[in-house]
Structures are given as C-alpha cells and as structure tokens.
C-alpha atoms as a PDB file:
ATOM      1  CA  MET A   1      41.301 103.399  65.284  1.00  0.00           C
ATOM      2  CA  SER A   2      42.821 104.685  62.043  1.00  0.00           C
ATOM      3  CA  THR A   3      41.123 102.092  59.804  1.00  0.00           C
ATOM      4  CA  LEU A   4      37.410 101.303  59.986  1.00  0.00           C
ATOM      5  CA  ILE A   5      35.365  98.752  58.022  1.00  0.00           C
ATOM      6  CA  VAL A   6      31.570  99.004  58.352  1.00  0.00           C
ATOM      7  CA  VAL A   7      29.404  96.380  56.647  1.00  0.00           C
ATOM      8  CA  HIS A   8      25.653  95.845  56.501  1.00  0.00           C
ATOM      9  CA  PRO A   9      24.083  92.367  56.018  1.00  0.00           C
ATOM     10  CA  THR A  10      22.343  93.517  52.822  1.00  0.00           C
ATOM     11  CA  PHE A  11      25.802  93.923  51.325  1.00  0.00           C
ATOM     12  CA  GLU A  12      27.105  90.648  52.686  1.00  0.00           C
ATOM     13  CA  SER A  13      24.148  88.753  51.286  1.00  0.00           C
ATOM     14  CA  HIS A  14      25.795  89.332  47.894  1.00  0.00           C
ATOM     15  CA  TRP A  15      29.454  89.571  48.917  1.00  0.00           C
ATOM     16  CA  PRO A  16      29.928  87.497  52.084  1.00  0.00           C
ATOM     17  CA  PHE A  17      33.735  87.276  51.968  1.00  0.00           C
ATOM     18  CA  VAL A  18      34.631  90.892  51.152  1.00  0.00           C
ATOM     19  CA  ALA A  19      34.732  92.492  54.607  1.00  0.00           C
ATOM     20  CA  GLY A  20      36.849  89.622  55.903  1.00  0.00           C
ATOM     21  CA  ARG A  21      39.300  90.116  53.043  1.00  0.00           C
ATOM     22  CA  PHE A  22      39.758  93.788  53.954  1.00  0.00           C
ATOM     23  CA  LEU A  23      40.242  92.820  57.589  1.00  0.00           C
ATOM     24  CA  ASP A  24      42.746  90.035  56.883  1.00  0.00           C
ATOM     25  CA  THR A  25      44.787  92.163  54.481  1.00  0.00           C
ATOM     26  CA  TRP A  26      45.012  95.224  56.694  1.00  0.00           C
ATOM     27  CA  SER A  27      45.555  93.250  59.906  1.00  0.00           C
ATOM     28  CA  ARG A  28      49.120  92.758  58.726  1.00  0.00           C
ATOM     29  CA  GLN A  29      49.584  96.527  59.018  1.00  0.00           C
ATOM     30  CA  GLY A  30      47.835  97.109  62.325  1.00  0.00           C
ATOM     31  CA  LYS A  31      44.454  96.549  63.933  1.00  0.00           C
ATOM     32  CA  PRO A  32      41.557  97.725  61.762  1.00  0.00           C
ATOM     33  CA  LEU A  33      38.136  97.793  63.352  1.00  0.00           C
ATOM     34  CA  LEU A  34      35.385  95.773  61.680  1.00  0.00           C
ATOM     35  CA  THR A  35      31.809  96.710  62.550  1.00  0.00           C
ATOM     36  CA  ARG A  36      29.137  94.294  61.335  1.00  0.00           C
ATOM     37  CA  LEU A  37      25.606  95.660  61.620  1.00  0.00           C
ATOM     38  CA  ALA A  38      22.437  93.755  62.443  1.00  0.00           C
ATOM     39  CA  ARG A  39      20.028  93.071  59.617  1.00  0.00           C
ATOM     40  CA  ASP A  40      17.454  95.540  60.912  1.00  0.00           C
ATOM     41  CA  ASP A  41      20.021  98.242  61.693  1.00  0.00           C
ATOM     42  CA  ASN A  42      19.302 101.124  59.319  1.00  0.00           C
ATOM     43  CA  ARG A  43      21.329 103.773  61.061  1.00  0.00           C
ATOM     44  CA  ARG A  44      23.400 106.175  59.017  1.00  0.00           C
ATOM     45  CA  LEU A  45      27.174 105.935  59.061  1.00  0.00           C
ATOM     46  CA  GLY A  46      27.524 108.940  61.364  1.00  0.00           C
ATOM     47  CA  GLU A  47      25.299 107.293  63.950  1.00  0.00           C
ATOM     48  CA  ILE A  48      27.242 104.028  63.942  1.00  0.00           C
ATOM     49  CA  VAL A  49      30.794 105.166  64.613  1.00  0.00           C
ATOM     50  CA  SER A  50      31.621 106.243  68.165  1.00  0.00           C
ATOM     51  CA  ASN A  51      34.923 107.992  67.380  1.00  0.00           C
ATOM     52  CA  PRO A  52      34.709 109.247  63.772  1.00  0.00           C
ATOM     53  CA  THR A  53      37.445 111.851  64.303  1.00  0.00           C
ATOM     54  CA  ARG A  54      40.015 109.044  64.642  1.00  0.00           C
ATOM     55  CA  VAL A  55      39.209 107.382  61.303  1.00  0.00           C
ATOM     56  CA  ILE A  56      41.775 107.967  58.560  1.00  0.00           C
ATOM     57  CA  ARG A  57      40.890 105.061  56.234  1.00  0.00           C
ATOM     58  CA  LEU A  58      37.253 104.008  55.789  1.00  0.00           C
ATOM     59  CA  VAL A  59      35.446 101.151  54.033  1.00  0.00           C
ATOM     60  CA  CYS A  60      31.670 101.572  54.115  1.00  0.00           C
ATOM     61  CA  LEU A  61      29.798  98.603  52.675  1.00  0.00           C
ATOM     62  CA  GLY A  62      26.050  99.018  52.452  1.00  0.00           C
ATOM     63  CA  ALA A  63      25.493 101.548  55.275  1.00  0.00           C
ATOM     64  CA  PRO A  64      23.665 104.779  54.320  1.00  0.00           C
ATOM     65  CA  VAL A  65      25.776 107.933  54.192  1.00  0.00           C
ATOM     66  CA  THR A  66      24.896 111.642  54.261  1.00  0.00           C
ATOM     67  CA  VAL A  67      27.001 114.810  54.150  1.00  0.00           C
ATOM     68  CA  ASP A  68      26.255 115.341  57.845  1.00  0.00           C
ATOM     69  CA  CYS A  69      27.742 111.898  58.503  1.00  0.00           C
ATOM     70  CA  LEU A  70      30.886 112.746  56.620  1.00  0.00           C
ATOM     71  CA  ARG A  71      31.417 116.033  58.462  1.00  0.00           C
ATOM     72  CA  LYS A  72      32.120 113.992  61.597  1.00  0.00           C
ATOM     73  CA  PHE A  73      35.110 112.273  59.947  1.00  0.00           C
ATOM     74  CA  THR A  74      37.485 115.207  60.262  1.00  0.00           C
ATOM     75  CA  ALA A  75      40.695 113.165  59.855  1.00  0.00           C
ATOM     76  CA  LEU A  76      39.528 111.054  56.892  1.00  0.00           C
ATOM     77  CA  LYS A  77      42.084 110.738  54.076  1.00  0.00           C
ATOM     78  CA  GLU A  78      40.786 107.904  51.879  1.00  0.00           C
ATOM     79  CA  ALA A  79      37.636 105.837  51.636  1.00  0.00           C
ATOM     80  CA  THR A  80      35.343 103.661  49.582  1.00  0.00           C
ATOM     81  CA  PHE A  81      31.545 103.576  49.797  1.00  0.00           C
ATOM     82  CA  GLN A  82      29.940 100.549  48.164  1.00  0.00           C
ATOM     83  CA  ASN A  83      26.550  98.952  47.741  1.00  0.00           C
ATOM     84  CA  SER A  84      26.223  95.456  46.317  1.00  0.00           C
ATOM     85  CA  TYR A  85      26.871  96.481  42.706  1.00  0.00           C
ATOM     86  CA  ASN A  86      27.941 100.127  42.694  1.00  0.00           C
ATOM     87  CA  ASP A  87      29.180 102.973  44.832  1.00  0.00           C
ATOM     88  CA  SER A  88      26.704 104.320  47.371  1.00  0.00           C
ATOM     89  CA  LEU A  89      27.621 108.003  47.407  1.00  0.00           C
ATOM     90  CA  SER A  90      25.172 110.721  46.499  1.00  0.00           C
ATOM     91  CA  GLU A  91      26.377 113.573  44.321  1.00  0.00           C
ATOM     92  CA  ALA A  92      26.384 115.871  47.346  1.00  0.00           C
ATOM     93  CA  CYS A  93      28.506 113.451  49.377  1.00  0.00           C
ATOM     94  CA  GLY A  94      30.947 113.060  46.533  1.00  0.00           C
ATOM     95  CA  ALA A  95      31.300 116.797  46.136  1.00  0.00           C
ATOM     96  CA  TYR A  96      31.906 117.245  49.853  1.00  0.00           C
ATOM     97  CA  LEU A  97      34.657 114.628  49.905  1.00  0.00           C
ATOM     98  CA  VAL A  98      36.357 116.243  46.905  1.00  0.00           C
ATOM     99  CA  GLU A  99      36.189 119.584  48.692  1.00  0.00           C
ATOM    100  CA  GLN A 100      37.824 118.034  51.760  1.00  0.00           C
ATOM    101  CA  GLY A 101      40.558 116.394  49.697  1.00  0.00           C
ATOM    102  CA  VAL A 102      39.510 112.856  50.587  1.00  0.00           C
ATOM    103  CA  ALA A 103      40.524 110.189  48.054  1.00  0.00           C
ATOM    104  CA  VAL A 104      37.493 108.067  47.162  1.00  0.00           C
ATOM    105  CA  TYR A 105      37.981 104.724  45.406  1.00  0.00           C
ATOM    106  CA  ASN A 106      35.557 102.819  43.185  1.00  0.00           C
ATOM    107  CA  HIS A 107      35.729  99.802  40.910  1.00  0.00           C
ATOM    108  CA  HIS A 108      36.930 100.587  37.414  1.00  0.00           C
ATOM    109  CA  SER A 109      35.498  97.440  35.831  1.00  0.00           C
ATOM    110  CA  GLU A 110      33.752  94.174  36.628  1.00  0.00           C
ATOM    111  CA  GLY A 111      36.995  92.268  36.248  1.00  0.00           C
ATOM    112  CA  PHE A 112      36.645  90.845  39.731  1.00  0.00           C
ATOM    113  CA  TRP A 113      34.433  87.993  38.558  1.00  0.00           C
ATOM    114  CA  GLY A 114      35.768  87.569  35.045  1.00  0.00           C
ATOM    115  CA  GLN A 115      37.830  84.504  35.880  1.00  0.00           C
ATOM    116  CA  SER A 116      34.985  82.812  37.753  1.00  0.00           C
ATOM    117  CA  VAL A 117      32.437  83.369  34.979  1.00  0.00           C
ATOM    118  CA  SER A 118      34.732  82.438  32.102  1.00  0.00           C
ATOM    119  CA  GLU A 119      35.903  79.231  33.804  1.00  0.00           C
ATOM    120  CA  PHE A 120      32.282  78.351  34.529  1.00  0.00           C
ATOM    121  CA  ALA A 121      31.436  78.928  30.871  1.00  0.00           C
ATOM    122  CA  LEU A 122      34.218  76.532  29.903  1.00  0.00           C
ATOM    123  CA  ALA A 123      32.822  73.986  32.361  1.00  0.00           C
ATOM    124  CA  LEU A 124      29.353  74.369  30.838  1.00  0.00           C
ATOM    125  CA  THR A 125      30.851  73.866  27.383  1.00  0.00           C
ATOM    126  CA  ILE A 126      32.711  70.671  28.251  1.00  0.00           C
ATOM    127  CA  SER A 127      29.804  69.317  30.283  1.00  0.00           C
ATOM    128  CA  ALA A 128      27.438  69.824  27.362  1.00  0.00           C
ATOM    129  CA  LEU A 129      29.810  68.337  24.793  1.00  0.00           C
ATOM    130  CA  ARG A 130      30.193  65.148  26.844  1.00  0.00           C
ATOM    131  CA  ARG A 131      26.690  65.074  28.412  1.00  0.00           C
ATOM    132  CA  ILE A 132      28.228  64.933  31.896  1.00  0.00           C
ATOM    133  CA  PRO A 133      25.134  66.139  33.823  1.00  0.00           C
ATOM    134  CA  GLN A 134      22.840  63.775  31.907  1.00  0.00           C
ATOM    135  CA  ASN A 135      25.063  60.781  32.643  1.00  0.00           C
ATOM    136  CA  TYR A 136      25.333  61.779  36.293  1.00  0.00           C
ATOM    137  CA  ALA A 137      21.539  61.998  36.625  1.00  0.00           C
ATOM    138  CA  GLU A 138      20.937  58.690  34.829  1.00  0.00           C
ATOM    139  CA  MET A 139      23.393  56.848  37.099  1.00  0.00           C
ATOM    140  CA  LEU A 140      21.407  57.799  40.182  1.00  0.00           C
ATOM    141  CA  THR A 141      18.367  55.761  39.207  1.00  0.00           C
ATOM    142  CA  ASP A 142      19.365  53.227  36.586  1.00  0.00           C
ATOM    143  CA  HIS A 143      22.170  50.831  35.576  1.00  0.00           C
ATOM    144  CA  ARG A 144      21.520  51.351  31.891  1.00  0.00           C
ATOM    145  CA  PRO A 145      24.332  53.933  31.566  1.00  0.00           C
ATOM    146  CA  TRP A 146      26.767  51.153  32.481  1.00  0.00           C
ATOM    147  CA  GLU A 147      25.527  49.134  29.520  1.00  0.00           C
ATOM    148  CA  ARG A 148      27.547  51.504  27.363  1.00  0.00           C
ATOM    149  CA  TYR A 149      30.681  49.699  28.507  1.00  0.00           C
ATOM    150  CA  ARG A 150      29.651  46.532  26.713  1.00  0.00           C
ATOM    151  CA  PRO A 151      30.997  45.833  23.206  1.00  0.00           C
ATOM    152  CA  SER A 152      27.508  44.650  22.299  1.00  0.00           C
ATOM    153  CA  GLN A 153      26.471  48.318  22.274  1.00  0.00           C
ATOM    154  CA  ASN A 154      28.352  48.803  19.021  1.00  0.00           C
ATOM    155  CA  GLN A 155      25.786  49.609  16.362  1.00  0.00           C
ATOM    156  CA  GLY A 156      28.133  49.222  13.408  1.00  0.00           C
ATOM    157  CA  PRO A 157      30.646  51.419  11.571  1.00  0.00           C
ATOM    158  CA  GLU A 158      30.276  55.165  12.216  1.00  0.00           C
ATOM    159  CA  ARG A 159      27.724  54.413  14.948  1.00  0.00           C
ATOM    160  CA  PRO A 160      27.995  54.654  18.753  1.00  0.00           C
ATOM    161  CA  GLY A 161      29.882  51.815  20.395  1.00  0.00           C
ATOM    162  CA  ALA A 162      31.023  50.778  23.856  1.00  0.00           C
ATOM    163  CA  GLN A 163      31.611  53.616  26.367  1.00  0.00           C
ATOM    164  CA  PHE A 164      30.113  56.174  24.016  1.00  0.00           C
ATOM    165  CA  SER A 165      27.394  58.542  25.181  1.00  0.00           C
ATOM    166  CA  ASP A 166      27.810  61.683  23.076  1.00  0.00           C
ATOM    167  CA  ASP A 167      24.768  62.813  21.106  1.00  0.00           C
ATOM    168  CA  LEU A 168      25.811  62.976  17.456  1.00  0.00           C
ATOM    169  CA  ARG A 169      22.877  65.241  16.570  1.00  0.00           C
ATOM    170  CA  PHE A 170      24.639  68.102  18.373  1.00  0.00           C
ATOM    171  CA  THR A 171      28.184  69.429  18.696  1.00  0.00           C
ATOM    172  CA  ASN A 172      29.963  66.832  20.824  1.00  0.00           C
ATOM    173  CA  GLY A 173      33.311  65.382  21.827  1.00  0.00           C
ATOM    174  CA  THR A 174      36.328  67.620  22.364  1.00  0.00           C
ATOM    175  CA  VAL A 175      36.667  71.385  22.377  1.00  0.00           C
ATOM    176  CA  GLY A 176      39.725  70.896  20.177  1.00  0.00           C
ATOM    177  CA  GLY A 177      38.886  71.228  16.512  1.00  0.00           C
ATOM    178  CA  LYS A 178      35.572  73.008  17.095  1.00  0.00           C
ATOM    179  CA  ARG A 179      34.688  76.378  15.582  1.00  0.00           C
ATOM    180  CA  VAL A 180      33.980  78.524  18.629  1.00  0.00           C
ATOM    181  CA  ARG A 181      32.337  81.844  17.866  1.00  0.00           C
ATOM    182  CA  ILE A 182      32.105  84.466  20.607  1.00  0.00           C
ATOM    183  CA  VAL A 183      30.173  87.721  20.877  1.00  0.00           C
ATOM    184  CA  GLY A 184      32.248  90.027  23.064  1.00  0.00           C
ATOM    185  CA  ALA A 185      36.007  90.248  23.555  1.00  0.00           C
ATOM    186  CA  GLY A 186      35.987  91.933  26.935  1.00  0.00           C
ATOM    187  CA  ASN A 187      36.710  90.751  30.432  1.00  0.00           C
ATOM    188  CA  ILE A 188      34.821  87.446  30.193  1.00  0.00           C
ATOM    189  CA  GLY A 189      34.729  86.788  26.461  1.00  0.00           C
ATOM    190  CA  SER A 190      38.485  87.206  26.017  1.00  0.00           C
ATOM    191  CA  ARG A 191      39.249  84.825  28.876  1.00  0.00           C
ATOM    192  CA  TYR A 192      36.876  82.205  27.515  1.00  0.00           C
ATOM    193  CA  ALA A 193      38.447  82.652  24.085  1.00  0.00           C
ATOM    194  CA  SER A 194      41.924  82.008  25.479  1.00  0.00           C
ATOM    195  CA  PHE A 195      40.720  78.865  27.279  1.00  0.00           C
ATOM    196  CA  VAL A 196      39.127  77.250  24.235  1.00  0.00           C
ATOM    197  CA  LYS A 197      42.017  78.354  22.010  1.00  0.00           C
ATOM    198  CA  MET A 198      44.434  76.619  24.379  1.00  0.00           C
ATOM    199  CA  LEU A 199      42.347  73.454  24.015  1.00  0.00           C
ATOM    200  CA  GLY A 200      42.711  73.587  20.248  1.00  0.00           C
ATOM    201  CA  ALA A 201      39.549  75.303  19.044  1.00  0.00           C
ATOM    202  CA  ASP A 202      39.322  77.573  16.024  1.00  0.00           C
ATOM    203  CA  VAL A 203      38.218  80.823  17.679  1.00  0.00           C
ATOM    204  CA  ALA A 204      36.684  83.954  16.204  1.00  0.00           C
ATOM    205  CA  ALA A 205      35.010  86.829  18.042  1.00  0.00           C
ATOM    206  CA  TRP A 206      32.916  89.867  17.228  1.00  0.00           C
ATOM    207  CA  ASP A 207      33.273  93.035  19.253  1.00  0.00           C
ATOM    208  CA  PRO A 208      33.435  96.381  17.443  1.00  0.00           C
ATOM    209  CA  PHE A 209      34.532  98.186  20.603  1.00  0.00           C
ATOM    210  CA  ALA A 210      37.399  95.944  21.726  1.00  0.00           C
ATOM    211  CA  ALA A 211      41.006  96.938  21.057  1.00  0.00           C
ATOM    212  CA  GLU A 212      43.009  94.830  18.651  1.00  0.00           C
ATOM    213  CA  ALA A 213      45.145  93.617  21.547  1.00  0.00           C
ATOM    214  CA  HIS A 214      42.165  91.712  22.986  1.00  0.00           C
ATOM    215  CA  PHE A 215      42.147  89.461  19.932  1.00  0.00           C
ATOM    216  CA  HIS A 216      45.915  89.040  19.690  1.00  0.00           C
ATOM    217  CA  ARG A 217      46.193  88.117  23.374  1.00  0.00           C
ATOM    218  CA  THR A 218      43.654  85.325  23.080  1.00  0.00           C
ATOM    219  CA  GLY A 219      44.749  84.053  19.687  1.00  0.00           C
ATOM    220  CA  SER A 220      41.290  84.608  18.234  1.00  0.00           C
ATOM    221  CA  ARG A 221      40.412  85.952  14.817  1.00  0.00           C
ATOM    222  CA  ARG A 222      38.493  89.206  14.677  1.00  0.00           C
ATOM    223  CA  GLU A 223      35.213  88.966  12.806  1.00  0.00           C
ATOM    224  CA  TRP A 224      33.805  92.312  11.752  1.00  0.00           C
ATOM    225  CA  ARG A 225      30.280  91.156  10.888  1.00  0.00           C
ATOM    226  CA  LEU A 226      28.041  89.504  13.461  1.00  0.00           C
ATOM    227  CA  ASP A 227      25.878  87.988  10.727  1.00  0.00           C
ATOM    228  CA  GLU A 228      28.956  86.198   9.380  1.00  0.00           C
ATOM    229  CA  LEU A 229      30.175  85.072  12.809  1.00  0.00           C
ATOM    230  CA  VAL A 230      27.089  82.941  13.455  1.00  0.00           C
ATOM    231  CA  LYS A 231      27.037  81.064  10.167  1.00  0.00           C
ATOM    232  CA  GLU A 232      29.737  78.478  10.903  1.00  0.00           C
ATOM    233  CA  ALA A 233      29.598  78.131  14.686  1.00  0.00           C
ATOM    234  CA  ASP A 234      29.938  74.710  16.281  1.00  0.00           C
ATOM    235  CA  ILE A 235      29.853  76.470  19.654  1.00  0.00           C
ATOM    236  CA  PHE A 236      28.269  79.915  19.988  1.00  0.00           C
ATOM    237  CA  ALA A 237      28.968  81.951  23.137  1.00  0.00           C
ATOM    238  CA  PRO A 238      27.460  85.439  23.443  1.00  0.00           C
ATOM    239  CA  MET A 239      29.369  87.050  26.339  1.00  0.00           C
ATOM    240  CA  LEU A 240      28.319  90.635  26.911  1.00  0.00           C
ATOM    241  CA  PRO A 241      26.808  92.498  29.861  1.00  0.00           C
ATOM    242  CA  LEU A 242      23.125  93.365  29.547  1.00  0.00           C
ATOM    243  CA  THR A 243      22.670  97.063  28.808  1.00  0.00           C
ATOM    244  CA  ALA A 244      20.219  99.125  26.794  1.00  0.00           C
ATOM    245  CA  SER A 245      22.504  98.786  23.776  1.00  0.00           C
ATOM    246  CA  THR A 246      23.126  95.026  24.078  1.00  0.00           C
ATOM    247  CA  ARG A 247      19.594  93.840  24.853  1.00  0.00           C
ATOM    248  CA  GLY A 248      18.458  91.768  21.880  1.00  0.00           C
ATOM    249  CA  LEU A 249      21.734  92.436  20.044  1.00  0.00           C
ATOM    250  CA  VAL A 250      21.831  88.818  18.878  1.00  0.00           C
ATOM    251  CA  THR A 251      18.614  88.820  16.908  1.00  0.00           C
ATOM    252  CA  ALA A 252      16.233  86.060  15.885  1.00  0.00           C
ATOM    253  CA  GLU A 253      17.797  86.154  12.430  1.00  0.00           C
ATOM    254  CA  HIS A 254      21.245  85.569  13.934  1.00  0.00           C
ATOM    255  CA  ILE A 255      19.906  82.609  15.926  1.00  0.00           C
ATOM    256  CA  ARG A 256      18.237  81.181  12.825  1.00  0.00           C
ATOM    257  CA  SER A 257      21.598  81.376  11.031  1.00  0.00           C
ATOM    258  CA  LEU A 258      23.329  79.105  13.541  1.00  0.00           C
ATOM    259  CA  PRO A 259      23.993  75.669  12.010  1.00  0.00           C
ATOM    260  CA  ASN A 260      21.842  72.766  13.135  1.00  0.00           C
ATOM    261  CA  GLY A 261      23.472  71.028  16.086  1.00  0.00           C
ATOM    262  CA  CYS A 262      25.283  74.138  17.336  1.00  0.00           C
ATOM    263  CA  LEU A 263      25.862  74.372  21.091  1.00  0.00           C
ATOM    264  CA  VAL A 264      24.829  77.753  22.551  1.00  0.00           C
ATOM    265  CA  VAL A 265      26.589  78.711  25.809  1.00  0.00           C
ATOM    266  CA  LEU A 266      24.928  81.392  27.975  1.00  0.00           C
ATOM    267  CA  ALA A 267      26.974  82.514  30.972  1.00  0.00           C
ATOM    268  CA  THR A 268      26.607  86.312  31.211  1.00  0.00           C
ATOM    269  CA  ARG A 269      23.073  87.497  30.392  1.00  0.00           C
ATOM    270  CA  ALA A 270      20.476  85.641  28.346  1.00  0.00           C
ATOM    271  CA  ASN A 271      18.562  88.631  27.038  1.00  0.00           C
ATOM    272  CA  ILE A 272      21.394  89.885  24.888  1.00  0.00           C
ATOM    273  CA  CYS A 273      19.904  87.209  22.610  1.00  0.00           C
ATOM    274  CA  ASP A 274      16.451  86.722  21.160  1.00  0.00           C
ATOM    275  CA  MET A 275      15.537  84.047  23.677  1.00  0.00           C
ATOM    276  CA  ALA A 276      12.245  83.207  22.020  1.00  0.00           C
ATOM    277  CA  GLU A 277      14.136  81.981  18.949  1.00  0.00           C
ATOM    278  CA  ILE A 278      16.722  80.135  21.048  1.00  0.00           C
ATOM    279  CA  ARG A 279      13.892  78.403  22.886  1.00  0.00           C
ATOM    280  CA  ARG A 280      12.146  77.497  19.634  1.00  0.00           C
ATOM    281  CA  ARG A 281      15.246  75.940  18.100  1.00  0.00           C
ATOM    282  CA  VAL A 282      16.313  74.129  21.279  1.00  0.00           C
ATOM    283  CA  LEU A 283      12.850  72.627  21.755  1.00  0.00           C
ATOM    284  CA  ALA A 284      12.857  71.597  18.093  1.00  0.00           C
ATOM    285  CA  ASP A 285      16.155  69.722  18.652  1.00  0.00           C
ATOM    286  CA  GLU A 286      17.982  72.056  16.280  1.00  0.00           C
ATOM    287  CA  LEU A 287      20.350  73.506  18.916  1.00  0.00           C
ATOM    288  CA  ALA A 288      21.886  72.359  22.193  1.00  0.00           C
ATOM    289  CA  LEU A 289      21.981  74.749  25.141  1.00  0.00           C
ATOM    290  CA  ALA A 290      24.324  75.113  28.124  1.00  0.00           C
ATOM    291  CA  ALA A 291      22.972  77.942  30.258  1.00  0.00           C
ATOM    292  CA  ASP A 292      23.582  79.556  33.620  1.00  0.00           C
ATOM    293  CA  VAL A 293      21.316  82.510  32.776  1.00  0.00           C
ATOM    294  CA  PHE A 294      17.799  82.654  31.374  1.00  0.00           C
ATOM    295  CA  ASP A 295      15.150  85.028  30.102  1.00  0.00           C
ATOM    296  CA  ILE A 296      13.005  84.104  33.121  1.00  0.00           C
ATOM    297  CA  GLU A 297      14.652  83.823  36.541  1.00  0.00           C
ATOM    298  CA  PRO A 298      14.036  81.803  38.550  1.00  0.00           C
ATOM    299  CA  LEU A 299      13.149  79.387  35.796  1.00  0.00           C
ATOM    300  CA  PRO A 300       9.684  77.887  36.470  1.00  0.00           C
ATOM    301  CA  LEU A 301       9.792  74.242  37.492  1.00  0.00           C
ATOM    302  CA  ASP A 302       7.542  73.361  34.556  1.00  0.00           C
ATOM    303  CA  ASP A 303       9.668  75.261  32.021  1.00  0.00           C
ATOM    304  CA  PRO A 304      10.164  73.020  28.958  1.00  0.00           C
ATOM    305  CA  LEU A 305      13.910  73.741  28.899  1.00  0.00           C
ATOM    306  CA  LEU A 306      14.430  71.880  32.167  1.00  0.00           C
ATOM    307  CA  GLY A 307      15.634  68.294  32.017  1.00  0.00           C
ATOM    308  CA  ARG A 308      15.941  68.059  28.248  1.00  0.00           C
ATOM    309  CA  HIS A 309      18.495  65.765  26.636  1.00  0.00           C
ATOM    310  CA  ASN A 310      19.999  68.735  24.745  1.00  0.00           C
ATOM    311  CA  VAL A 311      20.077  71.223  27.640  1.00  0.00           C
ATOM    312  CA  ILE A 312      22.253  71.583  30.723  1.00  0.00           C
ATOM    313  CA  HIS A 313      21.347  74.281  33.219  1.00  0.00           C
ATOM    314  CA  THR A 314      22.533  75.938  36.432  1.00  0.00           C
ATOM    315  CA  PRO A 315      20.843  78.682  38.509  1.00  0.00           C
ATOM    316  CA  HIS A 316      22.807  81.878  37.684  1.00  0.00           C
ATOM    317  CA  LEU A 317      25.813  81.209  39.884  1.00  0.00           C
ATOM    318  CA  ALA A 318      28.809  81.465  37.527  1.00  0.00           C
ATOM    319  CA  GLY A 319      30.353  84.515  39.172  1.00  0.00           C
ATOM    320  CA  ARG A 320      29.704  83.617  42.784  1.00  0.00           C
ATOM    321  CA  THR A 321      32.964  82.247  44.117  1.00  0.00           C
ATOM    322  CA  ARG A 322      34.975  83.185  47.187  1.00  0.00           C
ATOM    323  CA  ASP A 323      37.782  83.978  44.758  1.00  0.00           C
ATOM    324  CA  ALA A 324      35.588  86.578  43.040  1.00  0.00           C
ATOM    325  CA  ASN A 325      34.734  88.068  46.452  1.00  0.00           C
ATOM    326  CA  TRP A 326      38.407  88.327  47.285  1.00  0.00           C
ATOM    327  CA  GLN A 327      39.191  89.871  43.909  1.00  0.00           C
ATOM    328  CA  TRP A 328      36.346  92.371  44.447  1.00  0.00           C
ATOM    329  CA  ALA A 329      38.045  93.479  47.657  1.00  0.00           C
ATOM    330  CA  ASP A 330      41.587  93.304  46.281  1.00  0.00           C
ATOM    331  CA  ASP A 331      40.718  95.641  43.403  1.00  0.00           C
ATOM    332  CA  LEU A 332      39.730  98.292  45.946  1.00  0.00           C
ATOM    333  CA  ILE A 333      42.497  97.535  48.473  1.00  0.00           C
ATOM    334  CA  ALA A 334      45.114  98.097  45.764  1.00  0.00           C
ATOM    335  CA  GLN A 335      43.960 101.711  45.396  1.00  0.00           C
ATOM    336  CA  PHE A 336      44.494 102.586  49.079  1.00  0.00           C
ATOM    337  CA  SER A 337      47.816 103.809  50.419  1.00  0.00           C
ATOM    338  CA  PRO A 338      49.965 100.846  51.519  1.00  0.00           C
ATOM    339  CA  GLY A 339      49.657 101.252  55.262  1.00  0.00           C
END
C-alpha cells in the first residue's frame, strides 16, 4: 500500500467526484487504496489507517489530522490534506512535515472551476438576452407563446413581429455588437471576456491588479476607472471573489450610473455589488438581471426578484460540475511525482 486516499463524507458532499478521480488516475500506475469513511466517523487519520508505515503517497480529504497521526507515517514522501475549500493542516502539522522532508501540495488558485463558472455566466447572458427561461415557463401552461409565430403579431414598423419575443426595454438579441463591461480580469472574468469577444461583443474590463497579458489574451480593452466602465454598459458583469476588499466594491453610485435597460450578470458573488441598489433598479424595470448568486441565500420564495419578466435566476450552482471536480483533483495530482 504505497498510495492511500482517505475521504470523509463531509468533503464529498461538496466534491463528490474528486476521490474517484485520484483513484482512476493512479490506478494506471498500480493499486492505490481508497478508504471512504462513514458519515459519523470522526476518527483522526492515525486511527483510520492500519498500516501507516507503508504509505508513501497520501491524499487526506476531510479527515482530521494531528502531529501524533503523522508520526505514524514514517515512510511518507508526499501528501495533500484538504477540507472542502482549503487545506486542513494546522501550523504544527505543517511544521512537522517540513521537518520530515515531506512534500505537501495545495491548490495555488481557484482555477479548477473557472471554466464552469464562466461558461455558466455566458449561458445566463444568452438566456436573458433571448428570454429563454421565460418562454420555456410560458409554454408549459399556455399556447399564447406560439401565437408569436403568426404574421398577425406584427405591430408595425420597428415593432415586434412574428416569432419575436425579446423585450425591447432591456438589452436583448445577440451578444455580438453589445458593449460588455466586466469587473475583474482574473480566472473567471478573463474567460467570460474571451467568450463574449469571440461572439462579437465590444469588451472592456476593470481590474487594477491584473497583468496586461490578461487583457491582451481576451481581446478586451483595459479601463482604468470603474466609474467610467459602468457608464456605457449594455451588459455589466462583476466577476470577483468576495473578500473584505471586494465587498461592496461596486457601489450604489456605480449601479445608478448603469444605463437604463442594462443587463446585470451575477455569477461569482452578489455582495461585491450594492445589492440594495440593484434590487431597486431591477424592481423599477430599469435593469434586467441574470443571477446565480444573491445577497440572501437561499432566496426566500416570496422574494420579489423571483419570477419577474426582467430576471432569470438559478440557485448558486455555476461552479458545480463533474468537470470542475475533476479539475480540482487534476490540479493536485499534477504536483505529485509521476508514479
């Protein structure tokens, strides 16, 4: 047993495909042992493993670890210790492993779900532009949506006609030709920028910390002033993680500066924005909203944002794909010695 994978259900409730990815990848090199714990099993790592002296490569996912546990792993060469969102090692454990010359691997970024979230944000954008969820819901209970196929629906020049369901009060139609303005040029924001640029949008982004290469790679223009970025947005997509420094970064004044009819896309964290002002303008039919994240989660069933003609909504699931799980594992597997 040179390779051991230990996983607790509390970890797999967030990352259900990770342990299997480690197992499948390393099975090509030998026979790693996978130990899945019961939900009520709170034993420490050292109490779980029957032959710790034979373990050379270790993946510990969600099981508690102490220095006394680690002393039992006398042959250990490399390892990772992970909770759902960060490493699970105490300072004392980390120091002990350094002293023993054990290589310990952690994630260097949250790139593992960047593709999933940015693609989902693009899907939200297109769905909102074309009112796809609204049309889907209407078709379930009524034939009136099919009336749009009839030429008699034409209301005259420059007015909706047959097979037309876009809401002209808000940004609508194609991504191509729209002014897309993004806050954040990192892992998610830069991907989203490249997607909408490929579809023909005019793209600008604000991120004072991003390297110039982030903007060149995506074909987006760098905007140095956030208060200027918001003024001409057809589609506004704030795409930053929520930290002490980003909370409320997009202020009420910034939201008030968005043009009437602008589509706001929220796919990372809602509270980087002044959500009270977003709510006010959406409920006043001044903005459209496509959101996977909210200021209140779960969103109350009587929340006025739900079911509106100018809002599409999903329950904070943009990053949760099997692909993101696999990438989570792959980013750690790549750091281990190749067999």
